[in-house]
Amino acid sequence: MKYLTFDEVVKLLVCIDNKRDILLIQLGLVLGCRVSEVVNMKLKNILTDRIILWDEKKNKFRECVIDPETKTMLDDYIATEWKPKPHHAHRLFYFSCKTANRIVKHWFKAAGIPAEKAHWHTLRHTYCVQSLDAGVPLNHVCEQTGDSPLTVIKIYSRPSIDDRLKMIRKKSYWRR
């Protein structure tokens, strides 16, 4: 599984030099969403503390919470950079999933992140791994990503050797 370390996330965000691209990548990291969900995001679905995304995989809407910093970035982008397009005036971004992946690849390369990680899904994986490592409850990660608990555990939960040793020590409380 490919995900970014904390240091790689910092390197990535520091090197991006335009509001659109940093917002795109920040949304991937904060929402844990699929590329199609962010590319098809509608302005009317951006609320104060959450964004309503259309989950094409499950064929239903899903609410994702958003932090104040990312919401501020979003509002700033809409106020200063976003221009309505005649046929897509309701969308936040005017490009395809393929273009979003090209943007990700470009900035991963600029940040010196290995090419094998340069894909949108790496942002989703990063959200899940970093959230679980930070102690975010499984059900919260599932709500944010739209994945089932089994999928999140199976794909994103990779306890380290140290974590497994700690667990064994806790389970072995009767030993002296």
C-alpha atoms as a PDB file:
ATOM      1  CA  MET A   1       0.000   0.000   0.000  1.00  0.00           C
ATOM      2  CA  LYS A   2       1.294   3.421  -0.933  1.00  0.00           C
ATOM      3  CA  TYR A   3       0.804   6.355   1.419  1.00  0.00           C
ATOM      4  CA  LEU A   4       2.720   9.493   2.343  1.00  0.00           C
ATOM      5  CA  THR A   5       4.638   9.934   5.554  1.00  0.00           C
ATOM      6  CA  PHE A   6       4.159  13.125   7.533  1.00  0.00           C
ATOM      7  CA  ASP A   7       7.441  14.505   6.131  1.00  0.00           C
ATOM      8  CA  GLU A   8       6.371  13.725   2.562  1.00  0.00           C
ATOM      9  CA  VAL A   9       3.046  15.512   3.093  1.00  0.00           C
ATOM     10  CA  VAL A  10       4.905  18.595   4.330  1.00  0.00           C
ATOM     11  CA  LYS A  11       7.346  18.486   1.375  1.00  0.00           C
ATOM     12  CA  LEU A  12       4.439  18.151  -1.030  1.00  0.00           C
ATOM     13  CA  LEU A  13       2.349  21.003   0.367  1.00  0.00           C
ATOM     14  CA  VAL A  14       5.326  23.359   0.654  1.00  0.00           C
ATOM     15  CA  CYS A  15       6.334  23.018  -3.002  1.00  0.00           C
ATOM     16  CA  ILE A  16       2.912  23.704  -4.584  1.00  0.00           C
ATOM     17  CA  ASP A  17       2.807  27.254  -5.898  1.00  0.00           C
ATOM     18  CA  ASN A  18      -0.803  27.837  -6.911  1.00  0.00           C
ATOM     19  CA  LYS A  19      -4.123  27.919  -5.071  1.00  0.00           C
ATOM     20  CA  ARG A  20      -6.000  25.507  -7.304  1.00  0.00           C
ATOM     21  CA  ASP A  21      -3.476  22.687  -7.055  1.00  0.00           C
ATOM     22  CA  ILE A  22      -2.827  23.033  -3.335  1.00  0.00           C
ATOM     23  CA  LEU A  23      -6.590  23.031  -2.711  1.00  0.00           C
ATOM     24  CA  LEU A  24      -7.050  19.956  -4.900  1.00  0.00           C
ATOM     25  CA  ILE A  25      -4.361  18.007  -3.028  1.00  0.00           C
ATOM     26  CA  GLN A  26      -5.430  19.334   0.373  1.00  0.00           C
ATOM     27  CA  LEU A  27      -8.981  18.125  -0.295  1.00  0.00           C
ATOM     28  CA  GLY A  28      -7.635  14.673  -1.133  1.00  0.00           C
ATOM     29  CA  LEU A  29      -5.651  14.564   2.100  1.00  0.00           C
ATOM     30  CA  VAL A  30      -8.414  15.993   4.316  1.00  0.00           C
ATOM     31  CA  LEU A  31     -11.464  14.265   2.856  1.00  0.00           C
ATOM     32  CA  GLY A  32      -9.952  10.923   1.923  1.00  0.00           C
ATOM     33  CA  CYS A  33     -12.140  11.046  -1.167  1.00  0.00           C
ATOM     34  CA  ARG A  34     -11.820   9.418  -4.551  1.00  0.00           C
ATOM     35  CA  VAL A  35     -10.581  11.520  -7.464  1.00  0.00           C
ATOM     36  CA  SER A  36     -14.005  11.388  -9.143  1.00  0.00           C
ATOM     37  CA  GLU A  37     -15.619  12.781  -5.987  1.00  0.00           C
ATOM     38  CA  VAL A  38     -13.379  15.823  -5.804  1.00  0.00           C
ATOM     39  CA  VAL A  39     -13.411  16.508  -9.559  1.00  0.00           C
ATOM     40  CA  ASN A  40     -17.222  16.398  -9.613  1.00  0.00           C
ATOM     41  CA  MET A  41     -17.637  18.455  -6.418  1.00  0.00           C
ATOM     42  CA  LYS A  42     -20.449  20.981  -6.724  1.00  0.00           C
ATOM     43  CA  LEU A  43     -20.351  24.427  -5.142  1.00  0.00           C
ATOM     44  CA  LYS A  44     -23.849  24.050  -3.686  1.00  0.00           C
ATOM     45  CA  ASN A  45     -22.639  21.015  -1.710  1.00  0.00           C
ATOM     46  CA  ILE A  46     -19.886  22.928   0.089  1.00  0.00           C
ATOM     47  CA  LEU A  47     -21.242  23.820   3.509  1.00  0.00           C
ATOM     48  CA  THR A  48     -19.626  25.521   6.503  1.00  0.00           C
ATOM     49  CA  ASP A  49     -18.139  22.455   8.167  1.00  0.00           C
ATOM     50  CA  ARG A  50     -18.716  19.665   5.659  1.00  0.00           C
ATOM     51  CA  ILE A  51     -18.940  18.812   1.989  1.00  0.00           C
ATOM     52  CA  ILE A  52     -21.546  16.563   0.456  1.00  0.00           C
ATOM     53  CA  LEU A  53     -19.960  14.284  -2.132  1.00  0.00           C
ATOM     54  CA  TRP A  54     -21.563  12.025  -4.686  1.00  0.00           C
ATOM     55  CA  ASP A  55     -20.132   8.553  -4.117  1.00  0.00           C
ATOM     56  CA  GLU A  56     -20.313   6.967  -7.581  1.00  0.00           C
ATOM     57  CA  LYS A  57     -19.154   3.621  -6.248  1.00  0.00           C
ATOM     58  CA  LYS A  58     -22.060   3.361  -3.791  1.00  0.00           C
ATOM     59  CA  ASN A  59     -24.451   5.481  -5.891  1.00  0.00           C
ATOM     60  CA  LYS A  60     -25.378   7.790  -3.009  1.00  0.00           C
ATOM     61  CA  PHE A  61     -24.398  11.046  -1.323  1.00  0.00           C
ATOM     62  CA  ARG A  62     -21.934  11.103   1.578  1.00  0.00           C
ATOM     63  CA  GLU A  63     -21.149  13.911   4.029  1.00  0.00           C
ATOM     64  CA  CYS A  64     -17.471  14.546   4.722  1.00  0.00           C
ATOM     65  CA  VAL A  65     -16.323  16.879   7.466  1.00  0.00           C
ATOM     66  CA  ILE A  66     -13.814  19.579   6.609  1.00  0.00           C
ATOM     67  CA  ASP A  67     -11.438  21.432   8.898  1.00  0.00           C
ATOM     68  CA  PRO A  68     -11.525  25.255   9.183  1.00  0.00           C
ATOM     69  CA  GLU A  69      -8.111  25.703   7.504  1.00  0.00           C
ATOM     70  CA  THR A  70      -9.166  23.781   4.391  1.00  0.00           C
ATOM     71  CA  LYS A  71     -12.542  25.574   4.359  1.00  0.00           C
ATOM     72  CA  THR A  72     -10.686  28.903   4.411  1.00  0.00           C
ATOM     73  CA  MET A  73      -8.507  27.741   1.490  1.00  0.00           C
ATOM     74  CA  LEU A  74     -11.645  26.683  -0.362  1.00  0.00           C
ATOM     75  CA  ASP A  75     -13.416  30.007   0.233  1.00  0.00           C
ATOM     76  CA  ASP A  76     -10.305  31.942  -0.806  1.00  0.00           C
ATOM     77  CA  TYR A  77      -9.941  29.901  -4.012  1.00  0.00           C
ATOM     78  CA  ILE A  78     -13.604  30.446  -4.925  1.00  0.00           C
ATOM     79  CA  ALA A  79     -13.373  34.193  -4.202  1.00  0.00           C
ATOM     80  CA  THR A  80     -10.096  34.859  -6.036  1.00  0.00           C
ATOM     81  CA  GLU A  81      -9.377  32.134  -8.619  1.00  0.00           C
ATOM     82  CA  TRP A  82     -12.595  30.356  -9.527  1.00  0.00           C
ATOM     83  CA  LYS A  83     -14.387  31.540 -12.654  1.00  0.00           C
ATOM     84  CA  PRO A  84     -17.730  30.092 -13.777  1.00  0.00           C
ATOM     85  CA  LYS A  85     -17.716  28.133 -17.043  1.00  0.00           C
ATOM     86  CA  PRO A  86     -20.869  28.181 -19.181  1.00  0.00           C
ATOM     87  CA  HIS A  87     -21.610  24.453 -19.121  1.00  0.00           C
ATOM     88  CA  HIS A  88     -20.139  23.647 -15.708  1.00  0.00           C
ATOM     89  CA  ALA A  89     -20.883  26.713 -13.568  1.00  0.00           C
ATOM     90  CA  HIS A  90     -21.825  24.495 -10.645  1.00  0.00           C
ATOM     91  CA  ARG A  91     -18.488  22.604 -10.387  1.00  0.00           C
ATOM     92  CA  LEU A  92     -15.487  23.557  -8.250  1.00  0.00           C
ATOM     93  CA  PHE A  93     -12.919  22.207 -10.747  1.00  0.00           C
ATOM     94  CA  TYR A  94     -13.142  22.142 -14.535  1.00  0.00           C
ATOM     95  CA  PHE A  95     -10.994  19.155 -15.364  1.00  0.00           C
ATOM     96  CA  SER A  96     -11.152  15.388 -15.565  1.00  0.00           C
ATOM     97  CA  CYS A  97      -9.928  12.670 -13.218  1.00  0.00           C
ATOM     98  CA  LYS A  98      -7.052  12.079 -15.629  1.00  0.00           C
ATOM     99  CA  THR A  99      -5.989  15.731 -15.355  1.00  0.00           C
ATOM    100  CA  ALA A 100      -6.262  15.613 -11.554  1.00  0.00           C
ATOM    101  CA  ASN A 101      -3.898  12.632 -11.567  1.00  0.00           C
ATOM    102  CA  ARG A 102      -1.489  14.524 -13.855  1.00  0.00           C
ATOM    103  CA  ILE A 103      -1.502  17.413 -11.367  1.00  0.00           C
ATOM    104  CA  VAL A 104      -0.751  14.985  -8.512  1.00  0.00           C
ATOM    105  CA  LYS A 105       2.103  13.370 -10.475  1.00  0.00           C
ATOM    106  CA  HIS A 106       3.584  16.770 -11.282  1.00  0.00           C
ATOM    107  CA  TRP A 107       3.654  17.939  -7.665  1.00  0.00           C
ATOM    108  CA  PHE A 108       4.835  14.594  -6.282  1.00  0.00           C
ATOM    109  CA  LYS A 109       7.772  14.773  -8.693  1.00  0.00           C
ATOM    110  CA  ALA A 110       8.468  18.414  -7.724  1.00  0.00           C
ATOM    111  CA  ALA A 111       8.489  17.379  -4.041  1.00  0.00           C
ATOM    112  CA  GLY A 112      10.892  14.496  -4.699  1.00  0.00           C
ATOM    113  CA  ILE A 113       8.344  11.846  -3.745  1.00  0.00           C
ATOM    114  CA  PRO A 114       8.937   8.471  -5.441  1.00  0.00           C
ATOM    115  CA  ALA A 115       7.124   8.018  -8.765  1.00  0.00           C
ATOM    116  CA  GLU A 116       5.390   4.821  -7.616  1.00  0.00           C
ATOM    117  CA  LYS A 117       3.452   6.899  -5.067  1.00  0.00           C
ATOM    118  CA  ALA A 118       2.421   9.545  -7.606  1.00  0.00           C
ATOM    119  CA  HIS A 119      -1.281   8.808  -7.896  1.00  0.00           C
ATOM    120  CA  TRP A 120      -4.484  10.313  -6.468  1.00  0.00           C
ATOM    121  CA  HIS A 121      -5.277   7.174  -4.510  1.00  0.00           C
ATOM    122  CA  THR A 122      -2.084   7.756  -2.498  1.00  0.00           C
ATOM    123  CA  LEU A 123      -3.829  10.794  -0.977  1.00  0.00           C
ATOM    124  CA  ARG A 124      -6.801   8.617   0.008  1.00  0.00           C
ATOM    125  CA  HIS A 125      -4.503   5.977   1.465  1.00  0.00           C
ATOM    126  CA  THR A 126      -2.609   8.690   3.353  1.00  0.00           C
ATOM    127  CA  TYR A 127      -5.830  10.009   4.883  1.00  0.00           C
ATOM    128  CA  CYS A 128      -6.803   6.537   6.091  1.00  0.00           C
ATOM    129  CA  VAL A 129      -3.396   5.460   7.419  1.00  0.00           C
ATOM    130  CA  GLN A 130      -2.649   8.786   9.135  1.00  0.00           C
ATOM    131  CA  SER A 131      -6.160   8.920  10.652  1.00  0.00           C
ATOM    132  CA  LEU A 132      -5.943   5.393  12.062  1.00  0.00           C
ATOM    133  CA  ASP A 133      -2.406   6.028  13.345  1.00  0.00           C
ATOM    134  CA  ALA A 134      -3.657   9.198  15.074  1.00  0.00           C
ATOM    135  CA  GLY A 135      -6.335   7.187  16.876  1.00  0.00           C
ATOM    136  CA  VAL A 136      -9.346   8.350  14.865  1.00  0.00           C
ATOM    137  CA  PRO A 137     -12.119   5.791  15.502  1.00  0.00           C
ATOM    138  CA  LEU A 138     -12.677   3.305  12.704  1.00  0.00           C
ATOM    139  CA  ASN A 139     -16.305   4.340  12.209  1.00  0.00           C
ATOM    140  CA  HIS A 140     -15.221   7.964  11.623  1.00  0.00           C
ATOM    141  CA  VAL A 141     -12.731   6.895   8.940  1.00  0.00           C
ATOM    142  CA  CYS A 142     -15.454   4.760   7.337  1.00  0.00           C
ATOM    143  CA  GLU A 143     -17.953   7.653   7.315  1.00  0.00           C
ATOM    144  CA  GLN A 144     -15.410  10.017   5.768  1.00  0.00           C
ATOM    145  CA  THR A 145     -14.235   7.643   3.027  1.00  0.00           C
ATOM    146  CA  GLY A 146     -17.424   5.712   2.373  1.00  0.00           C
ATOM    147  CA  ASP A 147     -15.566   2.430   2.873  1.00  0.00           C
ATOM    148  CA  SER A 148     -16.787  -0.444   4.999  1.00  0.00           C
ATOM    149  CA  PRO A 149     -15.024  -1.262   8.286  1.00  0.00           C
ATOM    150  CA  LEU A 150     -13.728  -4.494   6.765  1.00  0.00           C
ATOM    151  CA  THR A 151     -12.203  -2.626   3.821  1.00  0.00           C
ATOM    152  CA  VAL A 152     -10.568  -0.015   6.063  1.00  0.00           C
ATOM    153  CA  ILE A 153      -9.128  -2.675   8.384  1.00  0.00           C
ATOM    154  CA  LYS A 154      -8.022  -4.952   5.569  1.00  0.00           C
ATOM    155  CA  ILE A 155      -6.425  -2.291   3.366  1.00  0.00           C
ATOM    156  CA  TYR A 156      -5.313   0.563   5.623  1.00  0.00           C
ATOM    157  CA  SER A 157      -4.718  -0.865   9.076  1.00  0.00           C
ATOM    158  CA  ARG A 158      -1.153  -2.081   9.227  1.00  0.00           C
ATOM    159  CA  PRO A 159       0.037  -2.279  12.830  1.00  0.00           C
ATOM    160  CA  SER A 160       3.783  -1.881  13.176  1.00  0.00           C
ATOM    161  CA  ILE A 161       6.045  -4.392  14.912  1.00  0.00           C
ATOM    162  CA  ASP A 162       6.257  -2.005  17.890  1.00  0.00           C
ATOM    163  CA  ASP A 163       2.455  -1.760  18.100  1.00  0.00           C
ATOM    164  CA  ARG A 164       2.108  -5.535  17.977  1.00  0.00           C
ATOM    165  CA  LEU A 165       4.784  -5.937  20.681  1.00  0.00           C
ATOM    166  CA  LYS A 166       2.922  -3.457  22.901  1.00  0.00           C
ATOM    167  CA  MET A 167      -0.273  -5.448  22.357  1.00  0.00           C
ATOM    168  CA  ILE A 168       1.459  -8.707  23.302  1.00  0.00           C
ATOM    169  CA  ARG A 169       2.855  -7.092  26.454  1.00  0.00           C
ATOM    170  CA  LYS A 170      -0.605  -5.827  27.425  1.00  0.00           C
ATOM    171  CA  LYS A 171      -2.127  -9.245  26.786  1.00  0.00           C
ATOM    172  CA  SER A 172       0.613 -10.856  28.864  1.00  0.00           C
ATOM    173  CA  TYR A 173      -0.207  -8.893  32.021  1.00  0.00           C
ATOM    174  CA  TRP A 174      -0.221 -12.060  34.122  1.00  0.00           C
ATOM    175  CA  ARG A 175       3.480 -12.652  33.464  1.00  0.00           C
ATOM    176  CA  ARG A 176       6.023 -11.166  35.811  1.00  0.00           C
END
